[in-house]
Protein backbone atom coordinates (compact mmCIF):
# COMPACT_ATOMS: atom_id res chain seq x y z
CA MET A 1 -42.72 -3.23 -175.83
CA ALA A 2 -44.37 -1.15 -172.97
CA THR A 3 -43.91 -2.89 -169.54
CA VAL A 4 -44.87 -0.23 -166.69
CA SER A 5 -46.84 2.55 -166.31
CA LEU A 6 -45.22 4.81 -163.88
CA LYS A 7 -48.47 6.98 -163.38
CA GLN A 8 -47.33 10.10 -164.30
CA ASP A 9 -49.31 13.33 -164.17
CA PRO A 10 -50.59 14.27 -167.40
CA ALA A 11 -49.82 17.78 -167.04
CA VAL A 12 -46.21 16.80 -166.50
CA LEU A 13 -46.06 15.10 -169.47
CA ALA A 14 -48.05 17.44 -171.41
CA ALA A 15 -45.47 20.02 -170.70
CA ARG A 16 -42.52 17.59 -171.18
CA LEU A 17 -44.21 16.96 -174.65
CA THR A 18 -44.40 20.74 -175.41
CA ARG A 19 -40.79 21.40 -174.28
CA ALA A 20 -39.40 18.57 -177.05
CA ALA A 21 -41.35 20.18 -179.42
CA GLU A 22 -40.20 23.30 -179.33
CA THR A 23 -36.67 22.49 -178.77
CA ALA A 24 -36.45 20.14 -181.61
CA ALA A 25 -38.12 22.92 -183.78
CA ALA A 26 -35.52 25.33 -182.20
CA SER A 27 -32.78 22.76 -183.04
CA ASP A 28 -34.03 23.09 -187.59
CA LEU A 29 -35.80 19.15 -186.54
CA ASP A 30 -38.67 17.95 -188.05
CA ALA A 31 -39.85 15.35 -185.44
CA LEU A 32 -38.13 13.19 -182.91
CA LEU A 33 -38.49 9.46 -183.27
CA ILE A 34 -38.38 7.72 -179.76
CA THR A 35 -38.82 4.23 -179.18
CA PRO A 36 -38.96 2.66 -175.79
CA GLY A 37 -36.34 3.45 -173.34
CA SER A 38 -35.27 6.05 -170.80
CA ASP A 39 -36.55 8.62 -173.21
CA LEU A 40 -40.40 7.53 -173.83
CA GLN A 41 -40.04 6.65 -170.08
CA TYR A 42 -39.76 10.42 -169.60
CA LEU A 43 -42.51 11.68 -171.98
CA LEU A 44 -45.04 9.09 -171.75
CA GLY A 45 -44.21 7.48 -168.05
CA VAL A 46 -44.24 4.02 -169.82
CA GLY A 47 -41.12 1.78 -168.67
CA GLY A 48 -39.54 -1.15 -171.41
CA GLU A 49 -37.25 -2.38 -174.11
CA SER A 50 -37.28 -2.12 -177.63
CA HIS A 51 -37.89 -5.00 -179.67
CA GLU A 52 -38.13 -6.49 -183.04
CA ARG A 53 -41.82 -5.15 -183.53
CA LEU A 54 -41.45 -1.37 -183.46
CA SER A 55 -42.68 0.75 -181.01
CA CYS A 56 -42.13 4.76 -181.42
CA LEU A 57 -43.33 7.62 -180.48
CA VAL A 58 -43.61 10.12 -183.56
CA LEU A 59 -43.37 13.59 -181.86
CA PRO A 60 -43.02 16.49 -184.59
CA ALA A 61 -41.66 20.16 -184.07
CA THR A 62 -45.32 20.75 -184.96
CA GLY A 63 -48.56 19.21 -185.55
CA LYS A 64 -50.19 16.43 -183.68
CA PRO A 65 -47.69 13.47 -182.25
CA ALA A 66 -48.75 9.94 -182.58
CA LEU A 67 -47.38 6.84 -180.64
CA VAL A 68 -46.89 3.63 -183.74
CA VAL A 69 -47.68 0.27 -181.96
CA PRO A 70 -48.01 -3.23 -182.24
CA LYS A 71 -51.55 -4.18 -182.09
CA LEU A 72 -50.71 -6.95 -179.44
CA GLU A 73 -48.62 -4.58 -177.30
CA ALA A 74 -51.49 -1.67 -177.35
CA PRO A 75 -52.54 -2.86 -174.28
CA GLY A 76 -49.49 -1.93 -172.25
CA TYR A 77 -50.34 1.70 -172.88
CA ALA A 78 -53.60 1.43 -171.04
CA ASP A 79 -52.70 3.83 -168.15
CA VAL A 80 -50.79 6.13 -170.83
CA PRO A 81 -53.23 9.15 -170.90
CA LEU A 82 -52.87 9.29 -174.32
CA ALA A 83 -56.16 10.74 -175.55
CA GLU A 84 -55.75 13.23 -173.20
CA LEU A 85 -52.39 14.25 -174.61
CA GLY A 86 -53.40 14.80 -177.63
CA ILE A 87 -52.00 11.67 -178.95
CA GLU A 88 -53.19 9.72 -181.66
CA VAL A 89 -52.79 5.62 -181.81
CA VAL A 90 -51.71 3.93 -184.92
CA THR A 91 -51.97 -0.06 -184.25
CA TRP A 92 -50.29 -2.61 -186.97
CA VAL A 93 -50.22 -6.34 -186.72
CA ASP A 94 -47.71 -8.58 -188.38
CA GLY A 95 -47.20 -8.36 -192.11
CA GLN A 96 -47.61 -4.61 -191.68
CA ASP A 97 -45.23 -2.28 -192.27
CA SER A 98 -44.65 -0.40 -189.76
CA HIS A 99 -41.54 1.55 -190.29
CA GLY A 100 -43.63 3.20 -193.28
CA MET A 101 -46.20 4.27 -191.20
CA VAL A 102 -43.66 6.16 -189.36
CA ALA A 103 -43.32 7.66 -192.67
CA ASP A 104 -46.28 8.14 -193.64
CA LEU A 105 -47.06 10.53 -190.42
CA LEU A 106 -44.29 12.41 -191.46
CA GLY A 107 -44.66 13.24 -194.93
CA SER A 108 -41.96 14.33 -196.39
CA PRO A 109 -39.39 15.97 -193.53
CA ALA A 110 -35.84 17.28 -194.24
CA ARG A 111 -34.30 16.55 -190.65
CA ILE A 112 -35.57 13.78 -187.75
CA ALA A 113 -33.73 12.67 -184.61
CA VAL A 114 -33.66 9.34 -183.45
CA ALA A 115 -33.51 8.07 -179.96
CA ASP A 116 -30.14 7.37 -178.93
CA ALA A 117 -30.68 3.64 -177.87
CA MET A 118 -32.88 3.10 -180.98
CA PRO A 119 -31.91 -0.27 -181.91
CA ALA A 120 -30.53 -0.30 -185.82
CA LEU A 121 -33.28 -3.31 -186.44
CA HIS A 122 -35.28 0.00 -186.64
CA THR A 123 -32.68 2.57 -187.11
CA LEU A 124 -32.07 1.68 -190.93
CA PRO A 125 -35.38 0.45 -192.03
CA LEU A 126 -36.33 4.58 -190.76
CA ARG A 127 -33.39 5.94 -192.88
CA GLY A 128 -34.90 3.43 -195.81
CA ALA A 129 -38.20 5.07 -195.44
CA LEU A 130 -37.53 8.38 -195.15
CA PRO A 131 -34.44 8.97 -197.87
CA GLY A 132 -34.60 12.31 -198.35
CA ALA A 133 -34.48 12.86 -194.24
CA GLU A 134 -30.87 13.49 -192.54
CA GLN A 135 -30.83 11.42 -189.41
CA VAL A 136 -29.27 13.02 -186.24
CA LEU A 137 -29.46 11.66 -182.24
CA ALA A 138 -32.32 12.76 -180.46
CA SER A 139 -29.89 13.18 -177.40
CA PRO A 140 -29.10 16.84 -178.01
CA VAL A 141 -32.75 17.80 -177.82
CA LEU A 142 -33.79 15.70 -174.60
CA ARG A 143 -30.62 16.04 -172.91
CA GLU A 144 -31.64 19.59 -172.78
CA LEU A 145 -34.85 18.54 -170.66
CA ARG A 146 -33.61 15.39 -168.98
CA MET A 147 -30.73 16.70 -167.20
CA ARG A 148 -32.75 19.39 -165.05
CA LYS A 149 -34.98 17.80 -162.55
CA ASP A 150 -38.29 18.72 -161.76
CA ALA A 151 -40.08 18.88 -158.30
CA ALA A 152 -41.48 15.25 -158.66
CA GLU A 153 -38.01 13.67 -160.26
CA ILE A 154 -36.35 15.05 -157.20
CA ALA A 155 -38.72 13.66 -154.84
CA GLY A 156 -38.01 10.37 -156.76
CA LEU A 157 -33.93 10.50 -156.42
CA ARG A 158 -34.61 11.42 -152.64
CA GLU A 159 -36.41 8.45 -152.25
CA ALA A 160 -34.16 6.40 -154.13
CA GLY A 161 -30.82 7.66 -151.66
CA ALA A 162 -32.99 6.98 -148.95
CA ALA A 163 -33.32 3.09 -149.62
CA ILE A 164 -29.56 2.68 -150.90
CA ASP A 165 -28.63 4.37 -147.72
CA ARG A 166 -30.40 1.89 -145.82
CA VAL A 167 -29.24 -0.82 -147.62
CA HIS A 168 -25.43 0.51 -146.07
CA ALA A 169 -26.60 1.07 -142.90
CA ARG A 170 -26.96 -2.75 -143.00
CA MET A 171 -23.69 -3.79 -144.25
CA ALA A 172 -22.11 -5.06 -141.01
CA GLU A 173 -25.05 -8.57 -141.60
CA PHE A 174 -23.30 -9.13 -145.05
CA LEU A 175 -19.91 -8.30 -145.13
CA LYS A 176 -17.69 -10.40 -142.59
CA PRO A 177 -14.41 -12.16 -143.04
CA GLY A 178 -14.80 -15.69 -144.94
CA ARG A 179 -17.41 -14.86 -147.17
CA THR A 180 -16.53 -14.29 -150.99
CA GLU A 181 -17.56 -11.36 -152.12
CA ALA A 182 -20.44 -13.30 -154.49
CA GLU A 183 -22.07 -14.39 -151.26
CA VAL A 184 -22.02 -10.52 -149.68
CA GLY A 185 -23.75 -9.74 -152.76
CA ALA A 186 -26.25 -11.84 -152.91
CA ASP A 187 -27.66 -10.72 -149.80
CA ILE A 188 -27.15 -6.79 -150.93
CA THR A 189 -29.19 -7.71 -154.05
CA GLY A 190 -31.82 -8.85 -151.23
CA ALA A 191 -31.44 -6.05 -149.33
CA ILE A 192 -31.72 -3.90 -152.18
CA LEU A 193 -35.17 -5.12 -152.67
CA ALA A 194 -36.52 -5.22 -149.62
CA GLU A 195 -35.47 -1.77 -148.97
CA GLY A 196 -37.82 -0.65 -151.40
CA HIS A 197 -35.89 -1.01 -155.11
CA THR A 198 -37.60 -2.70 -158.09
CA GLU A 199 -34.32 -3.99 -159.18
CA ALA A 200 -30.49 -4.33 -158.13
CA ALA A 201 -29.08 -2.62 -161.52
CA PHE A 202 -25.70 -3.10 -159.94
CA VAL A 203 -23.49 -4.49 -157.30
CA ILE A 204 -20.20 -4.45 -156.94
CA VAL A 205 -18.20 -6.15 -154.18
CA GLY A 206 -14.13 -5.11 -154.48
CA SER A 207 -12.56 -6.90 -151.88
CA GLY A 208 -8.68 -6.44 -151.45
CA PRO A 209 -6.77 -6.32 -155.00
CA ASN A 210 -10.33 -6.15 -156.78
CA GLY A 211 -11.40 -2.70 -154.88
CA ALA A 212 -8.61 -1.32 -157.30
CA SER A 213 -10.79 -2.12 -160.00
CA PRO A 214 -13.40 0.73 -160.29
CA HIS A 215 -15.90 -1.25 -162.50
CA HIS A 216 -14.96 -4.87 -160.38
CA SER A 217 -18.52 -6.94 -160.12
CA VAL A 218 -18.15 -9.70 -157.68
CA SER A 219 -16.05 -12.62 -157.46
CA ASP A 220 -14.95 -16.02 -155.46
CA ARG A 221 -12.94 -14.28 -153.87
CA VAL A 222 -13.03 -14.91 -149.91
CA ILE A 223 -12.62 -11.69 -147.27
CA GLN A 224 -9.98 -11.66 -145.73
CA ARG A 225 -9.36 -9.97 -142.03
CA GLY A 226 -7.92 -6.67 -142.74
CA ASP A 227 -9.68 -6.04 -145.89
CA VAL A 228 -10.56 -2.89 -147.68
CA VAL A 229 -14.26 -3.49 -149.31
CA VAL A 230 -15.30 -0.96 -152.25
CA VAL A 231 -19.51 -1.32 -152.24
CA ASP A 232 -20.84 0.80 -155.12
CA ILE A 233 -24.79 -0.22 -154.94
CA GLY A 234 -27.61 1.22 -157.02
CA GLY A 235 -31.25 0.34 -158.79
CA PRO A 236 -34.31 2.07 -159.85
CA ILE A 237 -37.51 2.60 -157.23
CA SER A 238 -41.20 1.94 -158.25
CA SER A 239 -40.59 5.47 -159.60
CA GLY A 240 -38.00 4.26 -162.34
CA TYR A 241 -35.84 7.00 -160.74
CA ASN A 242 -32.25 5.28 -159.57
CA SER A 243 -30.24 5.12 -156.66
CA ASP A 244 -26.29 4.95 -156.81
CA CYS A 245 -24.05 5.21 -153.86
CA THR A 246 -20.47 4.05 -152.67
CA ARG A 247 -19.13 3.67 -149.30
CA THR A 248 -15.84 1.94 -148.49
CA TYR A 249 -15.39 -0.54 -145.66
CA ALA A 250 -12.51 -2.36 -143.83
CA VAL A 251 -13.13 -5.65 -142.47
CA GLY A 252 -10.89 -5.23 -138.93
CA ASP A 253 -8.06 -2.54 -138.45
CA PRO A 254 -6.85 -1.99 -141.81
CA GLY A 255 -3.79 -0.17 -140.85
CA ASP A 256 -2.35 3.69 -140.44
CA GLU A 257 -1.29 3.94 -144.83
CA VAL A 258 -5.06 2.99 -145.37
CA ARG A 259 -6.75 5.43 -143.01
CA GLU A 260 -4.36 8.33 -144.38
CA THR A 261 -4.83 7.68 -147.88
CA TYR A 262 -8.54 7.58 -147.00
CA ALA A 263 -8.55 10.83 -145.30
CA VAL A 264 -7.10 12.51 -148.39
CA LEU A 265 -10.06 10.80 -150.63
CA GLN A 266 -12.56 11.78 -147.94
CA ALA A 267 -11.25 15.31 -147.98
CA ALA A 268 -11.54 15.37 -151.71
CA GLN A 269 -14.85 14.56 -151.94
CA ARG A 270 -16.03 17.05 -149.35
CA ALA A 271 -14.29 19.73 -151.38
CA ALA A 272 -15.86 18.52 -154.42
CA VAL A 273 -19.47 18.42 -152.85
CA ARG A 274 -18.80 21.93 -151.51
CA ALA A 275 -18.19 23.24 -154.49
CA VAL A 276 -21.04 22.71 -156.14
CA ARG A 277 -23.86 26.09 -156.80
CA PRO A 278 -25.61 27.30 -159.91
CA GLY A 279 -23.09 28.55 -162.27
CA ALA A 280 -19.85 26.58 -161.14
CA THR A 281 -18.73 24.41 -164.36
CA ALA A 282 -18.65 20.60 -164.35
CA GLU A 283 -15.04 21.03 -165.16
CA SER A 284 -14.83 22.76 -161.72
CA ILE A 285 -16.38 20.15 -159.58
CA ASP A 286 -14.16 17.59 -161.30
CA ALA A 287 -11.37 19.73 -160.32
CA ALA A 288 -12.30 20.33 -156.86
CA ALA A 289 -12.20 16.59 -156.34
CA ARG A 290 -8.93 15.92 -158.50
CA GLU A 291 -6.37 18.88 -157.03
CA PRO A 292 -6.24 17.78 -153.14
CA ILE A 293 -5.50 13.90 -154.28
CA ALA A 294 -3.00 15.39 -156.84
CA ALA A 295 -1.40 17.11 -154.23
CA ALA A 296 -1.02 14.67 -151.74
CA GLY A 297 0.71 12.23 -154.52
CA PHE A 298 -1.96 10.28 -155.96
CA GLY A 299 -2.94 11.84 -159.32
CA GLU A 300 -2.30 8.79 -161.12
CA ASN A 301 -4.48 6.65 -158.73
CA PHE A 302 -7.82 8.44 -159.36
CA VAL A 303 -8.26 7.01 -162.84
CA HIS A 304 -12.11 8.34 -164.03
CA ARG A 305 -14.14 10.97 -164.05
CA THR A 306 -15.52 12.57 -160.74
CA GLY A 307 -19.09 11.76 -161.61
CA HIS A 308 -22.04 11.65 -164.18
CA GLY A 309 -25.66 12.55 -164.15
CA ILE A 310 -28.68 10.27 -162.85
CA GLY A 311 -32.04 9.83 -163.41
CA LEU A 312 -34.13 7.45 -164.97
CA ASP A 313 -30.79 6.17 -166.40
CA VAL A 314 -27.92 5.38 -164.04
CA HIS A 315 -25.63 7.12 -166.08
CA GLU A 316 -26.75 10.57 -168.20
CA GLU A 317 -26.28 13.95 -168.69
CA PRO A 318 -24.33 15.61 -167.01
CA TYR A 319 -20.83 14.73 -167.12
CA ILE A 320 -18.34 15.93 -164.36
CA VAL A 321 -15.34 15.66 -165.95
CA GLY A 322 -12.44 17.72 -167.19
CA GLY A 323 -13.03 19.93 -170.61
CA ASN A 324 -16.98 19.86 -169.45
CA GLU A 325 -17.86 24.01 -169.65
CA LEU A 326 -21.39 23.75 -168.71
CA PRO A 327 -22.62 25.83 -165.86
CA LEU A 328 -24.54 23.90 -163.53
CA GLU A 329 -28.30 24.63 -163.29
CA GLU A 330 -30.69 24.21 -160.47
CA GLY A 331 -32.29 20.76 -160.67
CA MET A 332 -29.74 19.19 -162.20
CA ALA A 333 -28.55 15.59 -160.14
CA PHE A 334 -25.30 14.09 -160.47
CA SER A 335 -22.60 11.84 -158.53
CA VAL A 336 -19.42 12.96 -156.78
CA GLU A 337 -17.35 10.19 -156.63
CA PRO A 338 -13.48 10.27 -156.48
CA GLY A 339 -11.35 7.42 -155.79
CA ILE A 340 -8.05 6.24 -155.06
CA TYR A 341 -6.78 2.99 -156.64
CA GLN A 342 -3.66 1.13 -155.47
CA GLN A 343 -3.26 -1.54 -158.46
CA GLY A 344 -2.82 -4.77 -156.34
CA THR A 345 -3.38 -3.94 -153.01
CA TRP A 346 -6.52 -1.97 -152.28
CA GLY A 347 -8.77 0.61 -153.46
CA ALA A 348 -11.44 3.66 -152.15
CA ARG A 349 -14.07 5.18 -153.53
CA ILE A 350 -16.86 7.64 -152.07
CA GLU A 351 -20.16 8.64 -153.75
CA ASP A 352 -22.96 10.98 -153.37
CA ILE A 353 -25.76 11.57 -154.97
CA VAL A 354 -25.93 15.61 -155.13
CA ILE A 355 -28.94 17.89 -156.42
CA VAL A 356 -27.71 21.79 -157.47
CA THR A 357 -30.33 24.06 -155.23
CA ALA A 358 -31.12 27.41 -155.93
CA ASP A 359 -28.12 28.57 -153.42
CA GLY A 360 -25.89 25.48 -153.08
CA VAL A 361 -26.11 21.86 -153.31
CA GLU A 362 -28.07 19.11 -151.33
CA SER A 363 -27.33 15.53 -150.97
CA VAL A 364 -29.29 12.90 -150.93
CA ASN A 365 -27.27 10.34 -149.44
CA ASN A 366 -26.44 10.81 -146.05
CA GLN A 367 -24.77 7.73 -144.68
CA PRO A 368 -21.01 8.31 -142.96
CA HIS A 369 -18.24 9.20 -145.56
CA GLU A 370 -15.80 7.81 -143.07
CA LEU A 371 -13.92 4.49 -143.58
CA VAL A 372 -16.07 2.14 -141.62
CA VAL A 373 -14.44 -0.15 -140.23
CA LEU A 374 -16.57 -3.51 -139.36
CA PRO A 375 -15.91 -6.39 -136.55
CA ALA A 376 -13.46 -8.69 -137.77
């Protein structure tokens, strides 16, 4: 179901559709079948989610693409330049076989790729409607396009990064002893919206021992003087592109042990960002963050990969992790977010979104990386 048109330049969308079809052909695929989600948002500039009624972009490797869409949902695509993009619109009403309509458009394909997030309630009927076709995931095709951001996408990431930086700059308004994580999180959510996001996709306020759980959310724990607090926040702006930024705060003096450990983390994050450049591998960036932490005796306290790609999804390719030999290229965007987690007591993480440039790296987050000590 379409929810919002993102007013993309038709020439940009046309180029993406052409590259997707060409990449599908090079991958021995007869067609891509893309239901609502971030892949369709990338190709058509329209957001939304997939529901029980089938909406599907049928993008053949050669030939005319089509959009199969329920008649009652077709108005949601009114702002998409479908005619200019050469996309045939095929509408259907309740009681008709929409999966069969997709099959009729394709004939007898040998191999088709479906969107990774396509619900099983559409994947399985399409398999039944196309019994002779091998069904594979579309991500190997689309990730080759989506990993390399174009100028408009980079502009969106910069805008999102600046917006979330403004929220972090206001943290002293919210993060005070005597307040619960949930109360602080509610204020942060409001600030995320006020500073230019369309929603708060996630808000992590991990105080004291909760900071040692990397994917903690919020709780009723009352923040106390001396607590170390991990704040990891982000969400989409109107273009659909996401922010994701983590900073670690102390509510009053946290003590020398915390300061010394945090200094190790800060140096590791700085080293990893400085290692980013075209030609460096994803795993080498992970190693640049991990090695100084391990050398200081905290290797077992860094329990996750160093980063993830970001764009229309908060988590997408490329993943900055050991074993990923992918060479970085200009336009790739991802997080650099090492952490040190002391189970039962406290944790810390520093996260920036960075973009690979022609000769190095650009960070879209520019709030201080030092441990920010707030008044207690």
